[in-house]
N, C-alpha and C. Protein backbone atom coordinates (compact mmCIF):
# COMPACT_ATOMS: atom_id res chain seq x y z
N MET A 1 61.33 -131.55 57.69
CA MET A 1 62.60 -131.43 58.36
C MET A 1 63.09 -129.99 58.22
N GLN A 2 63.21 -129.36 59.32
CA GLN A 2 63.57 -127.94 59.35
C GLN A 2 64.92 -127.68 58.70
N ILE A 3 65.86 -128.58 58.89
CA ILE A 3 67.19 -128.38 58.30
C ILE A 3 67.11 -128.33 56.78
N TYR A 4 66.25 -129.16 56.19
CA TYR A 4 66.07 -129.15 54.73
C TYR A 4 65.35 -127.88 54.30
N ASP A 5 64.36 -127.44 55.07
CA ASP A 5 63.65 -126.20 54.74
C ASP A 5 64.63 -125.03 54.69
N ASN A 6 65.51 -124.96 55.68
CA ASN A 6 66.50 -123.88 55.72
C ASN A 6 67.47 -123.96 54.54
N LEU A 7 67.88 -125.17 54.20
CA LEU A 7 68.79 -125.35 53.07
C LEU A 7 68.12 -124.92 51.76
N VAL A 8 66.86 -125.29 51.57
CA VAL A 8 66.13 -124.90 50.37
C VAL A 8 66.09 -123.37 50.25
N GLU A 9 65.77 -122.70 51.35
CA GLU A 9 65.71 -121.23 51.32
C GLU A 9 67.04 -120.63 50.88
N LYS A 10 68.14 -121.17 51.36
CA LYS A 10 69.46 -120.67 50.98
C LYS A 10 69.78 -120.99 49.52
N LEU A 11 69.42 -122.20 49.08
CA LEU A 11 69.73 -122.60 47.71
C LEU A 11 68.94 -121.80 46.68
N LEU A 12 67.74 -121.37 47.02
CA LEU A 12 66.92 -120.58 46.09
C LEU A 12 67.55 -119.23 45.76
N GLU A 13 68.56 -118.83 46.53
CA GLU A 13 69.27 -117.58 46.28
C GLU A 13 70.54 -117.79 45.46
N LYS A 14 70.87 -119.03 45.17
CA LYS A 14 72.10 -119.37 44.44
C LYS A 14 71.88 -119.32 42.94
N PRO A 15 72.95 -119.42 42.15
CA PRO A 15 72.81 -119.44 40.69
C PRO A 15 71.86 -120.56 40.24
N CYS A 16 71.11 -120.24 39.19
CA CYS A 16 70.09 -121.16 38.70
C CYS A 16 70.33 -121.49 37.23
N TYR A 17 70.13 -122.76 36.91
CA TYR A 17 70.14 -123.26 35.53
C TYR A 17 68.78 -123.88 35.28
N VAL A 18 68.46 -124.14 34.03
CA VAL A 18 67.19 -124.79 33.72
C VAL A 18 67.38 -125.96 32.77
N ILE A 19 66.47 -126.91 32.90
CA ILE A 19 66.29 -127.96 31.90
C ILE A 19 64.96 -127.63 31.26
N ASP A 20 65.00 -127.36 29.95
CA ASP A 20 63.87 -126.73 29.28
C ASP A 20 63.57 -127.43 27.95
N PHE A 21 62.35 -127.24 27.47
CA PHE A 21 62.00 -127.76 26.15
C PHE A 21 62.56 -126.86 25.05
N LEU A 22 62.93 -125.65 25.40
CA LEU A 22 63.55 -124.71 24.45
C LEU A 22 65.07 -124.73 24.60
N PRO A 23 65.80 -124.50 23.53
CA PRO A 23 67.26 -124.55 23.60
C PRO A 23 67.92 -123.32 24.21
N GLU A 24 67.17 -122.25 24.37
CA GLU A 24 67.70 -121.03 25.01
C GLU A 24 66.54 -120.16 25.45
N GLN A 25 66.86 -119.16 26.24
CA GLN A 25 65.84 -118.26 26.77
C GLN A 25 65.21 -117.44 25.64
N VAL A 26 63.90 -117.26 25.71
CA VAL A 26 63.18 -116.43 24.75
C VAL A 26 63.30 -114.98 25.22
N LYS A 27 63.79 -114.15 24.36
CA LYS A 27 63.95 -112.73 24.69
C LYS A 27 62.59 -112.05 24.70
N PRO A 28 62.39 -111.06 25.57
CA PRO A 28 61.09 -110.38 25.65
C PRO A 28 60.63 -109.77 24.32
N ASP A 29 61.56 -109.35 23.49
CA ASP A 29 61.21 -108.71 22.21
C ASP A 29 61.32 -109.67 21.03
N ALA A 30 61.27 -110.98 21.30
CA ALA A 30 61.48 -111.99 20.25
C ALA A 30 60.40 -111.92 19.16
N GLY A 31 59.20 -111.52 19.51
CA GLY A 31 58.15 -111.42 18.51
C GLY A 31 57.43 -112.73 18.24
N GLY A 32 57.80 -113.78 18.94
CA GLY A 32 57.15 -115.07 18.76
C GLY A 32 55.89 -115.19 19.60
N GLN A 33 55.39 -116.39 19.68
CA GLN A 33 54.15 -116.67 20.39
C GLN A 33 54.39 -117.54 21.62
N PHE A 34 55.43 -117.20 22.39
CA PHE A 34 55.81 -118.03 23.52
C PHE A 34 54.64 -118.31 24.46
N PHE A 35 53.89 -117.30 24.84
CA PHE A 35 52.82 -117.50 25.82
C PHE A 35 51.68 -118.36 25.27
N ASP A 36 51.40 -118.25 23.98
CA ASP A 36 50.40 -119.14 23.36
C ASP A 36 50.88 -120.59 23.39
N VAL A 37 52.15 -120.78 23.05
CA VAL A 37 52.72 -122.13 23.05
C VAL A 37 52.76 -122.69 24.46
N GLU A 38 53.20 -121.87 25.41
CA GLU A 38 53.26 -122.30 26.81
C GLU A 38 51.87 -122.72 27.30
N TYR A 39 50.87 -121.90 27.06
CA TYR A 39 49.50 -122.21 27.48
C TYR A 39 49.03 -123.53 26.85
N TYR A 40 49.29 -123.67 25.57
CA TYR A 40 48.88 -124.89 24.86
C TYR A 40 49.56 -126.12 25.47
N LEU A 41 50.87 -126.05 25.67
CA LEU A 41 51.60 -127.21 26.19
C LEU A 41 51.18 -127.57 27.62
N LEU A 42 50.84 -126.57 28.41
CA LEU A 42 50.43 -126.84 29.79
C LEU A 42 48.99 -127.34 29.91
N ASN A 43 48.18 -127.07 28.89
CA ASN A 43 46.75 -127.38 29.00
C ASN A 43 46.25 -128.42 28.00
N SER A 44 47.11 -128.92 27.16
CA SER A 44 46.71 -129.95 26.20
C SER A 44 47.28 -131.30 26.64
N ASP A 45 46.98 -132.31 25.88
CA ASP A 45 47.54 -133.63 26.17
C ASP A 45 49.06 -133.67 26.02
N LYS A 46 49.64 -132.66 25.41
CA LYS A 46 51.10 -132.58 25.28
C LYS A 46 51.78 -132.53 26.65
N ARG A 47 51.04 -132.09 27.68
CA ARG A 47 51.64 -131.99 29.01
C ARG A 47 52.08 -133.36 29.53
N PHE A 48 51.44 -134.43 29.04
CA PHE A 48 51.80 -135.76 29.52
C PHE A 48 53.19 -136.17 29.03
N SER A 49 53.55 -135.79 27.81
CA SER A 49 54.89 -136.12 27.34
C SER A 49 55.94 -135.28 28.07
N LEU A 50 55.60 -134.02 28.37
CA LEU A 50 56.51 -133.19 29.15
C LEU A 50 56.67 -133.75 30.56
N LYS A 51 55.56 -134.18 31.14
CA LYS A 51 55.60 -134.78 32.48
C LYS A 51 56.54 -135.96 32.49
N ASP A 52 56.43 -136.82 31.50
CA ASP A 52 57.29 -138.00 31.42
C ASP A 52 58.76 -137.60 31.34
N LYS A 53 59.07 -136.58 30.56
CA LYS A 53 60.46 -136.14 30.43
C LYS A 53 60.98 -135.61 31.76
N PHE A 54 60.18 -134.79 32.44
CA PHE A 54 60.62 -134.24 33.72
C PHE A 54 60.79 -135.33 34.78
N VAL A 55 59.86 -136.28 34.81
CA VAL A 55 59.98 -137.40 35.74
C VAL A 55 61.25 -138.18 35.43
N ASN A 56 61.49 -138.45 34.15
CA ASN A 56 62.69 -139.20 33.77
C ASN A 56 63.97 -138.50 34.18
N VAL A 57 64.01 -137.18 34.06
CA VAL A 57 65.20 -136.42 34.48
C VAL A 57 65.43 -136.65 35.98
N ILE A 58 64.39 -136.52 36.77
CA ILE A 58 64.53 -136.69 38.23
C ILE A 58 64.93 -138.12 38.56
N LEU A 59 64.31 -139.09 37.91
CA LEU A 59 64.65 -140.49 38.18
C LEU A 59 66.10 -140.79 37.80
N LYS A 60 66.55 -140.26 36.68
CA LYS A 60 67.94 -140.47 36.28
C LYS A 60 68.89 -139.82 37.29
N LEU A 61 68.54 -138.64 37.76
CA LEU A 61 69.35 -137.97 38.77
C LEU A 61 69.42 -138.81 40.05
N MET A 62 68.32 -139.46 40.38
CA MET A 62 68.27 -140.31 41.58
C MET A 62 69.21 -141.51 41.47
N CYS A 63 69.58 -141.88 40.27
CA CYS A 63 70.52 -142.99 40.09
C CYS A 63 71.93 -142.60 40.52
N TYR A 64 72.23 -141.30 40.51
CA TYR A 64 73.58 -140.82 40.80
C TYR A 64 73.74 -140.17 42.17
N TYR A 65 72.63 -139.64 42.72
CA TYR A 65 72.73 -138.86 43.95
C TYR A 65 71.63 -139.24 44.94
N HIS A 66 71.96 -139.07 46.23
CA HIS A 66 70.95 -139.20 47.28
C HIS A 66 69.99 -138.03 47.14
N VAL A 67 68.70 -138.32 47.17
CA VAL A 67 67.67 -137.31 46.94
C VAL A 67 66.63 -137.36 48.06
N SER A 68 66.16 -136.18 48.43
CA SER A 68 64.98 -136.04 49.29
C SER A 68 64.03 -135.11 48.56
N ILE A 69 62.74 -135.43 48.60
CA ILE A 69 61.78 -134.56 47.93
C ILE A 69 60.85 -133.92 48.96
N GLN A 70 60.42 -132.73 48.64
CA GLN A 70 59.43 -132.03 49.46
C GLN A 70 58.14 -131.98 48.65
N TRP A 71 57.24 -132.83 49.03
CA TRP A 71 55.91 -132.89 48.44
C TRP A 71 54.97 -133.29 49.55
N LYS A 72 54.21 -132.35 50.01
CA LYS A 72 53.37 -132.49 51.21
C LYS A 72 54.26 -132.49 52.45
N CYS A 73 55.27 -133.37 52.49
CA CYS A 73 56.26 -133.38 53.58
C CYS A 73 57.57 -133.85 52.96
N TRP A 74 58.64 -133.84 53.74
CA TRP A 74 59.92 -134.31 53.22
C TRP A 74 59.93 -135.84 53.18
N ILE A 75 60.37 -136.38 52.05
CA ILE A 75 60.49 -137.82 51.86
C ILE A 75 61.93 -138.10 51.46
N ASP A 76 62.64 -138.84 52.29
CA ASP A 76 64.03 -139.18 52.02
C ASP A 76 64.09 -140.42 51.15
N SER A 77 64.91 -140.39 50.13
CA SER A 77 65.06 -141.50 49.17
C SER A 77 63.70 -142.00 48.69
N PRO A 78 62.95 -141.14 48.02
CA PRO A 78 61.59 -141.52 47.58
C PRO A 78 61.64 -142.63 46.53
N SER A 79 60.58 -143.37 46.45
CA SER A 79 60.48 -144.39 45.41
C SER A 79 60.23 -143.69 44.07
N PRO A 80 60.60 -144.34 42.98
CA PRO A 80 60.30 -143.76 41.66
C PRO A 80 58.80 -143.51 41.48
N GLN A 81 57.98 -144.39 42.02
CA GLN A 81 56.53 -144.23 41.92
C GLN A 81 56.06 -142.96 42.63
N THR A 82 56.68 -142.67 43.77
CA THR A 82 56.31 -141.45 44.51
C THR A 82 56.66 -140.20 43.71
N VAL A 83 57.81 -140.21 43.07
CA VAL A 83 58.20 -139.06 42.24
C VAL A 83 57.21 -138.88 41.10
N GLU A 84 56.89 -139.97 40.42
CA GLU A 84 55.94 -139.88 39.31
C GLU A 84 54.58 -139.41 39.81
N GLU A 85 54.13 -139.94 40.91
CA GLU A 85 52.83 -139.54 41.47
C GLU A 85 52.82 -138.05 41.80
N ALA A 86 53.90 -137.56 42.40
CA ALA A 86 53.98 -136.15 42.77
C ALA A 86 53.88 -135.25 41.54
N VAL A 87 54.70 -135.52 40.54
CA VAL A 87 54.71 -134.69 39.33
C VAL A 87 53.37 -134.79 38.61
N SER A 88 52.81 -135.99 38.52
CA SER A 88 51.51 -136.17 37.86
C SER A 88 50.41 -135.40 38.57
N THR A 89 50.38 -135.49 39.89
CA THR A 89 49.35 -134.79 40.68
C THR A 89 49.48 -133.29 40.50
N ILE A 90 50.69 -132.79 40.56
CA ILE A 90 50.92 -131.35 40.40
C ILE A 90 50.44 -130.88 39.03
N MET A 91 50.78 -131.64 37.99
CA MET A 91 50.37 -131.24 36.63
C MET A 91 48.86 -131.38 36.45
N ASP A 92 48.27 -132.46 36.98
CA ASP A 92 46.82 -132.66 36.84
C ASP A 92 46.02 -131.58 37.56
N ASN A 93 46.53 -131.15 38.71
CA ASN A 93 45.84 -130.13 39.51
C ASN A 93 46.16 -128.71 39.07
N HIS A 94 47.11 -128.56 38.16
CA HIS A 94 47.57 -127.23 37.74
C HIS A 94 47.91 -126.37 38.96
N SER A 95 48.58 -127.01 39.90
CA SER A 95 48.91 -126.32 41.14
C SER A 95 50.02 -127.05 41.87
N GLY A 96 50.95 -126.29 42.43
CA GLY A 96 51.95 -126.87 43.31
C GLY A 96 53.34 -126.91 42.73
N TRP A 97 54.24 -127.47 43.52
CA TRP A 97 55.64 -127.59 43.14
C TRP A 97 56.22 -128.80 43.85
N LEU A 98 57.36 -129.23 43.35
CA LEU A 98 58.11 -130.33 43.95
C LEU A 98 59.55 -129.88 44.08
N ASN A 99 60.06 -129.90 45.31
CA ASN A 99 61.47 -129.63 45.55
C ASN A 99 62.20 -130.95 45.61
N VAL A 100 63.27 -131.06 44.83
CA VAL A 100 64.11 -132.25 44.82
C VAL A 100 65.48 -131.80 45.32
N LEU A 101 65.78 -132.17 46.55
CA LEU A 101 67.00 -131.72 47.21
C LEU A 101 68.08 -132.79 47.11
N LEU A 102 69.27 -132.36 46.74
CA LEU A 102 70.45 -133.22 46.77
C LEU A 102 71.28 -132.73 47.95
N PRO A 103 70.94 -133.17 49.16
CA PRO A 103 71.54 -132.57 50.36
C PRO A 103 73.06 -132.70 50.44
N LYS A 104 73.60 -133.80 50.00
CA LYS A 104 75.06 -133.99 50.07
C LYS A 104 75.79 -133.16 49.03
N GLU A 105 75.07 -132.75 47.99
CA GLU A 105 75.66 -131.96 46.91
C GLU A 105 75.33 -130.48 47.04
N ASN A 106 74.49 -130.14 48.02
CA ASN A 106 74.09 -128.75 48.23
C ASN A 106 73.48 -128.15 46.95
N ALA A 107 72.55 -128.92 46.36
CA ALA A 107 71.89 -128.49 45.12
C ALA A 107 70.40 -128.80 45.22
N LEU A 108 69.62 -128.09 44.42
CA LEU A 108 68.17 -128.20 44.47
C LEU A 108 67.60 -128.17 43.05
N VAL A 109 66.66 -129.08 42.79
CA VAL A 109 65.90 -129.08 41.54
C VAL A 109 64.46 -128.76 41.90
N VAL A 110 63.86 -127.83 41.17
CA VAL A 110 62.48 -127.43 41.46
C VAL A 110 61.62 -127.64 40.22
N PHE A 111 60.51 -128.33 40.42
CA PHE A 111 59.50 -128.49 39.38
C PHE A 111 58.27 -127.71 39.82
N GLU A 112 57.79 -126.80 38.97
CA GLU A 112 56.56 -126.05 39.25
C GLU A 112 55.58 -126.31 38.12
N TRP A 113 54.33 -126.45 38.47
CA TRP A 113 53.31 -126.86 37.50
C TRP A 113 53.20 -125.91 36.31
N ASP A 114 53.43 -124.63 36.51
CA ASP A 114 53.19 -123.67 35.45
C ASP A 114 54.45 -123.30 34.67
N CYS A 115 55.49 -124.10 34.82
CA CYS A 115 56.73 -123.85 34.09
C CYS A 115 57.00 -125.02 33.16
N LEU A 116 57.58 -124.74 32.06
CA LEU A 116 57.93 -125.78 31.11
C LEU A 116 59.40 -126.15 31.26
N ASN A 117 59.88 -126.09 32.50
CA ASN A 117 61.27 -126.43 32.76
C ASN A 117 61.44 -126.91 34.20
N LEU A 118 62.62 -127.43 34.46
CA LEU A 118 63.06 -127.71 35.81
C LEU A 118 64.12 -126.66 36.13
N SER A 119 64.08 -126.11 37.32
CA SER A 119 65.10 -125.15 37.75
C SER A 119 66.10 -125.88 38.65
N ILE A 120 67.38 -125.68 38.39
CA ILE A 120 68.43 -126.33 39.18
C ILE A 120 69.26 -125.24 39.82
N TYR A 121 69.25 -125.24 41.15
CA TYR A 121 69.96 -124.21 41.91
C TYR A 121 71.27 -124.77 42.47
N ASN A 122 72.31 -124.00 42.27
CA ASN A 122 73.63 -124.28 42.83
C ASN A 122 74.24 -125.60 42.34
N PRO A 123 74.11 -125.93 41.06
CA PRO A 123 74.71 -127.18 40.60
C PRO A 123 76.23 -127.05 40.47
N SER A 124 76.95 -128.01 41.01
CA SER A 124 78.40 -128.04 40.83
C SER A 124 78.70 -128.29 39.35
N GLU A 125 79.96 -128.14 38.98
CA GLU A 125 80.33 -128.42 37.58
C GLU A 125 80.03 -129.87 37.23
N LYS A 126 80.26 -130.76 38.16
CA LYS A 126 79.98 -132.19 37.94
C LYS A 126 78.49 -132.41 37.68
N ILE A 127 77.65 -131.78 38.48
CA ILE A 127 76.20 -131.91 38.28
C ILE A 127 75.79 -131.25 36.97
N GLN A 128 76.37 -130.11 36.63
CA GLN A 128 76.06 -129.45 35.36
C GLN A 128 76.37 -130.37 34.18
N MET A 129 77.51 -131.04 34.22
CA MET A 129 77.88 -131.94 33.12
C MET A 129 76.90 -133.11 33.03
N LEU A 130 76.49 -133.65 34.17
CA LEU A 130 75.53 -134.74 34.18
C LEU A 130 74.16 -134.26 33.70
N MET A 131 73.74 -133.11 34.15
CA MET A 131 72.44 -132.56 33.75
C MET A 131 72.40 -132.31 32.25
N GLN A 132 73.51 -131.87 31.69
CA GLN A 132 73.58 -131.67 30.24
C GLN A 132 73.31 -133.00 29.52
N LYS A 133 73.95 -134.05 29.98
CA LYS A 133 73.78 -135.37 29.36
C LYS A 133 72.36 -135.90 29.56
N ILE A 134 71.84 -135.76 30.76
CA ILE A 134 70.48 -136.24 31.05
C ILE A 134 69.47 -135.46 30.21
N SER A 135 69.65 -134.15 30.10
CA SER A 135 68.74 -133.32 29.30
C SER A 135 68.70 -133.80 27.86
N VAL A 136 69.85 -133.98 27.27
CA VAL A 136 69.93 -134.43 25.89
C VAL A 136 69.24 -135.79 25.74
N SER A 137 69.44 -136.68 26.70
CA SER A 137 68.83 -138.01 26.62
C SER A 137 67.31 -137.95 26.64
N GLU A 138 66.74 -136.85 27.12
CA GLU A 138 65.29 -136.67 27.17
C GLU A 138 64.78 -135.69 26.11
N GLY A 139 65.65 -135.26 25.21
CA GLY A 139 65.23 -134.32 24.17
C GLY A 139 65.00 -132.92 24.72
N LEU A 140 65.69 -132.58 25.80
CA LEU A 140 65.56 -131.27 26.43
C LEU A 140 66.90 -130.55 26.37
N SER A 141 66.93 -129.30 26.80
CA SER A 141 68.15 -128.50 26.80
C SER A 141 68.47 -128.04 28.21
N PHE A 142 69.76 -127.89 28.49
CA PHE A 142 70.24 -127.41 29.78
C PHE A 142 70.99 -126.11 29.54
N TRP A 143 70.57 -125.04 30.21
CA TRP A 143 71.20 -123.75 30.00
C TRP A 143 70.99 -122.84 31.21
N LYS A 144 71.79 -121.77 31.23
CA LYS A 144 71.68 -120.78 32.30
C LYS A 144 70.91 -119.57 31.79
N PRO A 145 69.79 -119.24 32.44
CA PRO A 145 69.01 -118.08 31.99
C PRO A 145 69.73 -116.75 32.25
N ASP A 146 69.40 -115.77 31.42
CA ASP A 146 69.83 -114.40 31.69
C ASP A 146 69.01 -113.90 32.85
N LYS A 147 69.57 -113.01 33.59
CA LYS A 147 68.81 -112.44 34.72
C LYS A 147 67.85 -111.40 34.26
C-alpha cells in the first residue's frame, strides 16, 4: 500500500526510541565488549529468547492498537502467528526487517535482524508510557538514544 510506504518514509525521520536488552546506550569509549556480546547474542541460541521477547512486545502492542506489518507485503491486522513467523524467519535468515505500523497513531516500530532492539519512531507520550510498561514486562528497557 503506497500510502503506508509514504508514511513509513516520513516516520523514519521522526524522533526514535528503542526497546533494548541494555538499560542505556553504550558510549563509544565505554571500553566494554559490546560488539563481542552483540555478535554472540545474534549468532548463538540466545537469539531465540531475544526473538521471543521482541515478538511478545509486538503482540502486546497489538492488544492496544491497530497494526499493519510490512513483511514481503503490507498485512493489515496480522495474526499473532504471522508476526512470530516474520520475526523468526528474519532472525533465522540473518537478513531483513519488519515494519510494524500503527497508522492511527502515526507511529512505527522497526525490527531489524542485526539489532538487539526494536526502534520506535514518533511515539506519543501515551505510547511511550505503554512501551515502558511492556518493556519492563519482557525484561527489556525503553529509552531514547543519543544522536
